[in-house]
Amino acid sequence: MAPTTRAKPERTMRLERKPTGTVPGLLNITVGKLSIDYALEYVDTDMGDAYRLTKVGELAPDEPRDYHVLLARDGESCECWGFLRWSHCKHVESLQALRGRGDL
């Protein structure tokens, strides 16, 4: 019997408020039924477009609150467990999509 493949849950993101100057933006990322809000801030760097995403609300035990994301000319990176294991994640993909639409 062949193993069954599980369908990936639908992923959406929405920029509720664009970051401006010292005022953070608000980003919502939904994966399946899980919806998480992040405060979104620009981080000054010479390596590319960098952002800090800070989870809003309650955290699970041992779950980090902040993720630093870099969208550089030679690649991207994120500090989350998903990116460290798989070299891609919802944080990077959401920010790439926003940047591609001209929202960042």
N, C-alpha and C. Protein backbone atom coordinates (compact mmCIF):
# COMPACT_ATOMS: atom_id res chain seq x y z
N MET A 1 0.84 -1.17 0.00
CA MET A 1 0.00 0.00 0.00
C MET A 1 0.89 1.24 0.00
N ALA A 2 0.64 2.18 -0.90
CA ALA A 2 1.44 3.40 -1.03
C ALA A 2 1.10 4.37 0.10
N PRO A 3 2.11 5.08 0.59
CA PRO A 3 1.83 6.07 1.64
C PRO A 3 0.97 7.20 1.10
N THR A 4 0.12 7.71 1.94
CA THR A 4 -0.73 8.83 1.53
C THR A 4 0.00 10.14 1.77
N THR A 5 -0.20 11.05 0.88
CA THR A 5 0.38 12.38 1.05
C THR A 5 -0.67 13.32 1.60
N ARG A 6 -0.25 14.07 2.56
CA ARG A 6 -1.15 15.02 3.21
C ARG A 6 -1.09 16.33 2.45
N ALA A 7 -2.25 16.90 2.18
CA ALA A 7 -2.31 18.19 1.49
C ALA A 7 -1.81 19.28 2.43
N LYS A 8 -1.00 20.20 1.89
CA LYS A 8 -0.54 21.32 2.69
C LYS A 8 -1.71 22.23 3.00
N PRO A 9 -1.77 22.74 4.24
CA PRO A 9 -2.86 23.67 4.56
C PRO A 9 -2.69 24.97 3.78
N GLU A 10 -3.79 25.60 3.49
CA GLU A 10 -3.76 26.87 2.77
C GLU A 10 -3.04 27.92 3.61
N ARG A 11 -2.20 28.71 2.95
CA ARG A 11 -1.45 29.77 3.63
C ARG A 11 -1.83 31.10 3.00
N THR A 12 -2.19 32.06 3.85
CA THR A 12 -2.48 33.41 3.38
C THR A 12 -1.77 34.41 4.27
N MET A 13 -1.51 35.58 3.73
CA MET A 13 -0.95 36.65 4.53
C MET A 13 -1.62 37.94 4.13
N ARG A 14 -1.67 38.84 5.12
CA ARG A 14 -2.36 40.12 4.91
C ARG A 14 -1.59 41.18 5.68
N LEU A 15 -1.22 42.24 4.98
CA LEU A 15 -0.58 43.37 5.64
C LEU A 15 -1.68 44.31 6.11
N GLU A 16 -1.94 44.30 7.41
CA GLU A 16 -3.00 45.12 8.00
C GLU A 16 -2.58 46.59 8.05
N ARG A 17 -1.28 46.81 8.33
CA ARG A 17 -0.76 48.18 8.44
C ARG A 17 0.70 48.14 8.01
N LYS A 18 1.05 49.01 7.08
CA LYS A 18 2.42 49.09 6.58
C LYS A 18 3.31 49.79 7.61
N PRO A 19 4.54 49.28 7.84
CA PRO A 19 5.43 49.96 8.78
C PRO A 19 5.89 51.30 8.22
N THR A 20 5.90 52.31 9.08
CA THR A 20 6.35 53.64 8.66
C THR A 20 7.25 54.21 9.74
N GLY A 21 8.46 54.58 9.39
CA GLY A 21 9.37 55.19 10.36
C GLY A 21 9.52 54.34 11.60
N THR A 22 9.12 54.89 12.74
CA THR A 22 9.26 54.17 14.01
C THR A 22 7.99 53.40 14.39
N VAL A 23 6.95 53.48 13.57
CA VAL A 23 5.68 52.79 13.88
C VAL A 23 5.68 51.43 13.16
N PRO A 24 5.61 50.33 13.93
CA PRO A 24 5.61 49.02 13.30
C PRO A 24 4.33 48.78 12.48
N GLY A 25 4.47 47.95 11.48
CA GLY A 25 3.31 47.51 10.72
C GLY A 25 2.66 46.35 11.44
N LEU A 26 1.60 45.83 10.86
CA LEU A 26 0.93 44.66 11.42
C LEU A 26 0.69 43.67 10.29
N LEU A 27 1.25 42.47 10.44
CA LEU A 27 1.16 41.41 9.45
C LEU A 27 0.42 40.24 10.04
N ASN A 28 -0.54 39.70 9.29
CA ASN A 28 -1.26 38.50 9.71
C ASN A 28 -0.90 37.38 8.75
N ILE A 29 -0.46 36.24 9.31
CA ILE A 29 -0.18 35.04 8.52
C ILE A 29 -1.10 33.94 9.03
N THR A 30 -1.85 33.34 8.11
CA THR A 30 -2.76 32.25 8.44
C THR A 30 -2.31 31.00 7.71
N VAL A 31 -2.19 29.91 8.46
CA VAL A 31 -1.86 28.60 7.89
C VAL A 31 -2.95 27.65 8.37
N GLY A 32 -3.79 27.21 7.44
CA GLY A 32 -4.93 26.39 7.83
C GLY A 32 -5.85 27.18 8.74
N LYS A 33 -6.08 26.67 9.95
CA LYS A 33 -6.95 27.35 10.91
C LYS A 33 -6.17 28.22 11.90
N LEU A 34 -4.84 28.19 11.84
CA LEU A 34 -4.00 28.95 12.75
C LEU A 34 -3.70 30.32 12.17
N SER A 35 -4.06 31.37 12.91
CA SER A 35 -3.84 32.75 12.46
C SER A 35 -2.96 33.46 13.50
N ILE A 36 -1.85 34.05 13.02
CA ILE A 36 -0.91 34.71 13.92
C ILE A 36 -0.66 36.13 13.42
N ASP A 37 -0.71 37.08 14.36
CA ASP A 37 -0.38 38.47 14.06
C ASP A 37 1.05 38.75 14.48
N TYR A 38 1.73 39.56 13.66
CA TYR A 38 3.10 39.96 13.94
C TYR A 38 3.22 41.47 13.79
N ALA A 39 3.93 42.10 14.73
CA ALA A 39 4.37 43.48 14.52
C ALA A 39 5.53 43.38 13.54
N LEU A 40 5.54 44.24 12.54
CA LEU A 40 6.53 44.19 11.46
C LEU A 40 7.33 45.48 11.46
N GLU A 41 8.66 45.35 11.62
CA GLU A 41 9.55 46.51 11.64
C GLU A 41 10.69 46.33 10.65
N TYR A 42 11.08 47.42 10.01
CA TYR A 42 12.29 47.40 9.19
C TYR A 42 13.50 47.35 10.11
N VAL A 43 14.55 46.67 9.67
CA VAL A 43 15.82 46.65 10.40
C VAL A 43 16.88 47.17 9.44
N ASP A 44 17.65 48.14 9.88
CA ASP A 44 18.67 48.76 9.05
C ASP A 44 19.85 47.80 8.87
N THR A 45 20.19 47.49 7.61
CA THR A 45 21.31 46.62 7.29
C THR A 45 21.81 46.92 5.88
N ASP A 46 23.07 46.61 5.63
CA ASP A 46 23.64 46.77 4.29
C ASP A 46 23.52 45.50 3.46
N MET A 47 23.02 44.42 4.06
CA MET A 47 22.99 43.12 3.39
C MET A 47 21.75 42.89 2.53
N GLY A 48 20.74 43.71 2.66
CA GLY A 48 19.50 43.54 1.92
C GLY A 48 18.34 44.09 2.73
N ASP A 49 17.13 43.70 2.38
CA ASP A 49 15.94 44.12 3.12
C ASP A 49 15.79 43.22 4.35
N ALA A 50 15.80 43.82 5.52
CA ALA A 50 15.72 43.05 6.76
C ALA A 50 14.53 43.53 7.58
N TYR A 51 13.92 42.58 8.29
CA TYR A 51 12.71 42.87 9.07
C TYR A 51 12.76 42.09 10.38
N ARG A 52 12.09 42.64 11.38
CA ARG A 52 11.85 41.91 12.63
C ARG A 52 10.35 41.68 12.72
N LEU A 53 9.97 40.43 12.88
CA LEU A 53 8.57 40.07 13.08
C LEU A 53 8.43 39.67 14.55
N THR A 54 7.54 40.34 15.26
CA THR A 54 7.32 40.06 16.67
C THR A 54 5.90 39.55 16.85
N LYS A 55 5.80 38.32 17.37
CA LYS A 55 4.47 37.74 17.57
C LYS A 55 3.66 38.57 18.55
N VAL A 56 2.40 38.75 18.23
CA VAL A 56 1.47 39.47 19.09
C VAL A 56 0.58 38.41 19.74
N GLY A 57 0.45 38.45 21.05
CA GLY A 57 -0.40 37.50 21.75
C GLY A 57 0.39 36.46 22.52
N GLU A 58 -0.30 35.39 22.92
CA GLU A 58 0.30 34.36 23.75
C GLU A 58 1.25 33.49 22.96
N LEU A 59 2.25 32.97 23.67
CA LEU A 59 3.23 32.08 23.06
C LEU A 59 3.14 30.71 23.70
N ALA A 60 3.49 29.69 22.92
CA ALA A 60 3.63 28.34 23.47
C ALA A 60 4.93 28.29 24.28
N PRO A 61 5.06 27.35 25.19
CA PRO A 61 6.31 27.24 25.95
C PRO A 61 7.51 27.08 25.01
N ASP A 62 8.60 27.76 25.32
CA ASP A 62 9.85 27.72 24.55
C ASP A 62 9.72 28.27 23.14
N GLU A 63 8.64 28.98 22.84
CA GLU A 63 8.45 29.55 21.51
C GLU A 63 9.04 30.96 21.48
N PRO A 64 9.88 31.26 20.48
CA PRO A 64 10.44 32.60 20.41
C PRO A 64 9.38 33.64 20.03
N ARG A 65 9.54 34.86 20.51
CA ARG A 65 8.61 35.93 20.17
C ARG A 65 9.05 36.66 18.91
N ASP A 66 10.36 36.83 18.70
CA ASP A 66 10.89 37.59 17.56
C ASP A 66 11.54 36.68 16.53
N TYR A 67 11.37 37.07 15.27
CA TYR A 67 12.06 36.41 14.16
C TYR A 67 12.68 37.51 13.31
N HIS A 68 13.95 37.35 12.99
CA HIS A 68 14.63 38.28 12.10
C HIS A 68 14.69 37.64 10.72
N VAL A 69 14.24 38.38 9.72
CA VAL A 69 14.16 37.87 8.35
C VAL A 69 15.00 38.77 7.45
N LEU A 70 15.81 38.15 6.60
CA LEU A 70 16.63 38.89 5.65
C LEU A 70 16.26 38.46 4.24
N LEU A 71 15.91 39.43 3.41
CA LEU A 71 15.66 39.20 1.99
C LEU A 71 16.80 39.89 1.25
N ALA A 72 17.85 39.12 0.95
CA ALA A 72 19.06 39.68 0.35
C ALA A 72 19.14 39.33 -1.13
N ARG A 73 20.03 40.02 -1.81
CA ARG A 73 20.22 39.76 -3.24
C ARG A 73 20.73 38.34 -3.49
N ASP A 74 21.50 37.81 -2.56
CA ASP A 74 22.08 36.48 -2.76
C ASP A 74 21.35 35.38 -1.99
N GLY A 75 20.16 35.66 -1.49
CA GLY A 75 19.37 34.65 -0.78
C GLY A 75 18.64 35.26 0.40
N GLU A 76 17.88 34.43 1.07
CA GLU A 76 17.11 34.90 2.21
C GLU A 76 17.40 34.02 3.41
N SER A 77 17.01 34.53 4.58
CA SER A 77 17.19 33.74 5.80
C SER A 77 16.17 34.18 6.83
N CYS A 78 15.91 33.28 7.77
CA CYS A 78 15.02 33.54 8.90
C CYS A 78 15.53 32.71 10.07
N GLU A 79 15.28 33.19 11.27
CA GLU A 79 15.75 32.49 12.47
C GLU A 79 14.78 31.41 12.95
N CYS A 80 13.65 31.24 12.29
CA CYS A 80 12.64 30.30 12.80
C CYS A 80 13.08 28.85 12.57
N TRP A 81 12.45 27.96 13.31
CA TRP A 81 12.79 26.54 13.22
C TRP A 81 12.52 25.98 11.83
N GLY A 82 11.44 26.43 11.20
CA GLY A 82 11.11 25.94 9.86
C GLY A 82 12.19 26.26 8.86
N PHE A 83 12.69 27.49 8.88
CA PHE A 83 13.73 27.87 7.93
C PHE A 83 15.03 27.14 8.24
N LEU A 84 15.36 27.03 9.51
CA LEU A 84 16.60 26.35 9.89
C LEU A 84 16.59 24.88 9.46
N ARG A 85 15.42 24.28 9.42
CA ARG A 85 15.33 22.86 9.02
C ARG A 85 15.14 22.70 7.51
N TRP A 86 14.27 23.52 6.90
CA TRP A 86 13.86 23.29 5.51
C TRP A 86 14.37 24.35 4.52
N SER A 87 15.01 25.39 5.00
CA SER A 87 15.52 26.50 4.17
C SER A 87 14.40 27.29 3.48
N HIS A 88 13.21 27.25 4.02
CA HIS A 88 12.10 28.11 3.60
C HIS A 88 11.09 28.14 4.74
N CYS A 89 10.29 29.21 4.78
CA CYS A 89 9.32 29.32 5.86
C CYS A 89 8.24 30.32 5.49
N LYS A 90 7.19 30.35 6.31
CA LYS A 90 6.07 31.26 6.07
C LYS A 90 6.47 32.72 6.23
N HIS A 91 7.46 32.99 7.07
CA HIS A 91 7.87 34.38 7.29
C HIS A 91 8.54 34.94 6.04
N VAL A 92 9.52 34.21 5.51
CA VAL A 92 10.23 34.64 4.30
C VAL A 92 9.27 34.71 3.13
N GLU A 93 8.46 33.67 2.93
CA GLU A 93 7.56 33.63 1.78
C GLU A 93 6.51 34.73 1.84
N SER A 94 6.04 35.06 3.03
CA SER A 94 5.06 36.15 3.16
C SER A 94 5.68 37.50 2.83
N LEU A 95 6.88 37.76 3.34
CA LEU A 95 7.54 39.03 3.06
C LEU A 95 7.95 39.14 1.60
N GLN A 96 8.36 38.03 0.99
CA GLN A 96 8.67 38.05 -0.44
C GLN A 96 7.42 38.40 -1.26
N ALA A 97 6.29 37.81 -0.89
CA ALA A 97 5.04 38.09 -1.61
C ALA A 97 4.64 39.56 -1.45
N LEU A 98 4.75 40.10 -0.25
CA LEU A 98 4.43 41.51 -0.01
C LEU A 98 5.35 42.42 -0.82
N ARG A 99 6.63 42.10 -0.82
CA ARG A 99 7.60 42.90 -1.58
C ARG A 99 7.30 42.80 -3.08
N GLY A 100 6.95 41.60 -3.55
CA GLY A 100 6.63 41.40 -4.96
C GLY A 100 5.40 42.19 -5.40
N ARG A 101 4.46 42.39 -4.49
CA ARG A 101 3.26 43.18 -4.78
C ARG A 101 3.48 44.67 -4.62
N GLY A 102 4.66 45.04 -4.11
CA GLY A 102 4.95 46.46 -3.89
C GLY A 102 4.40 46.98 -2.58
N ASP A 103 4.01 46.09 -1.67
CA ASP A 103 3.46 46.51 -0.38
C ASP A 103 4.54 46.82 0.66
N LEU A 104 5.78 46.40 0.38
CA LEU A 104 6.89 46.70 1.31
C LEU A 104 7.94 47.50 0.56
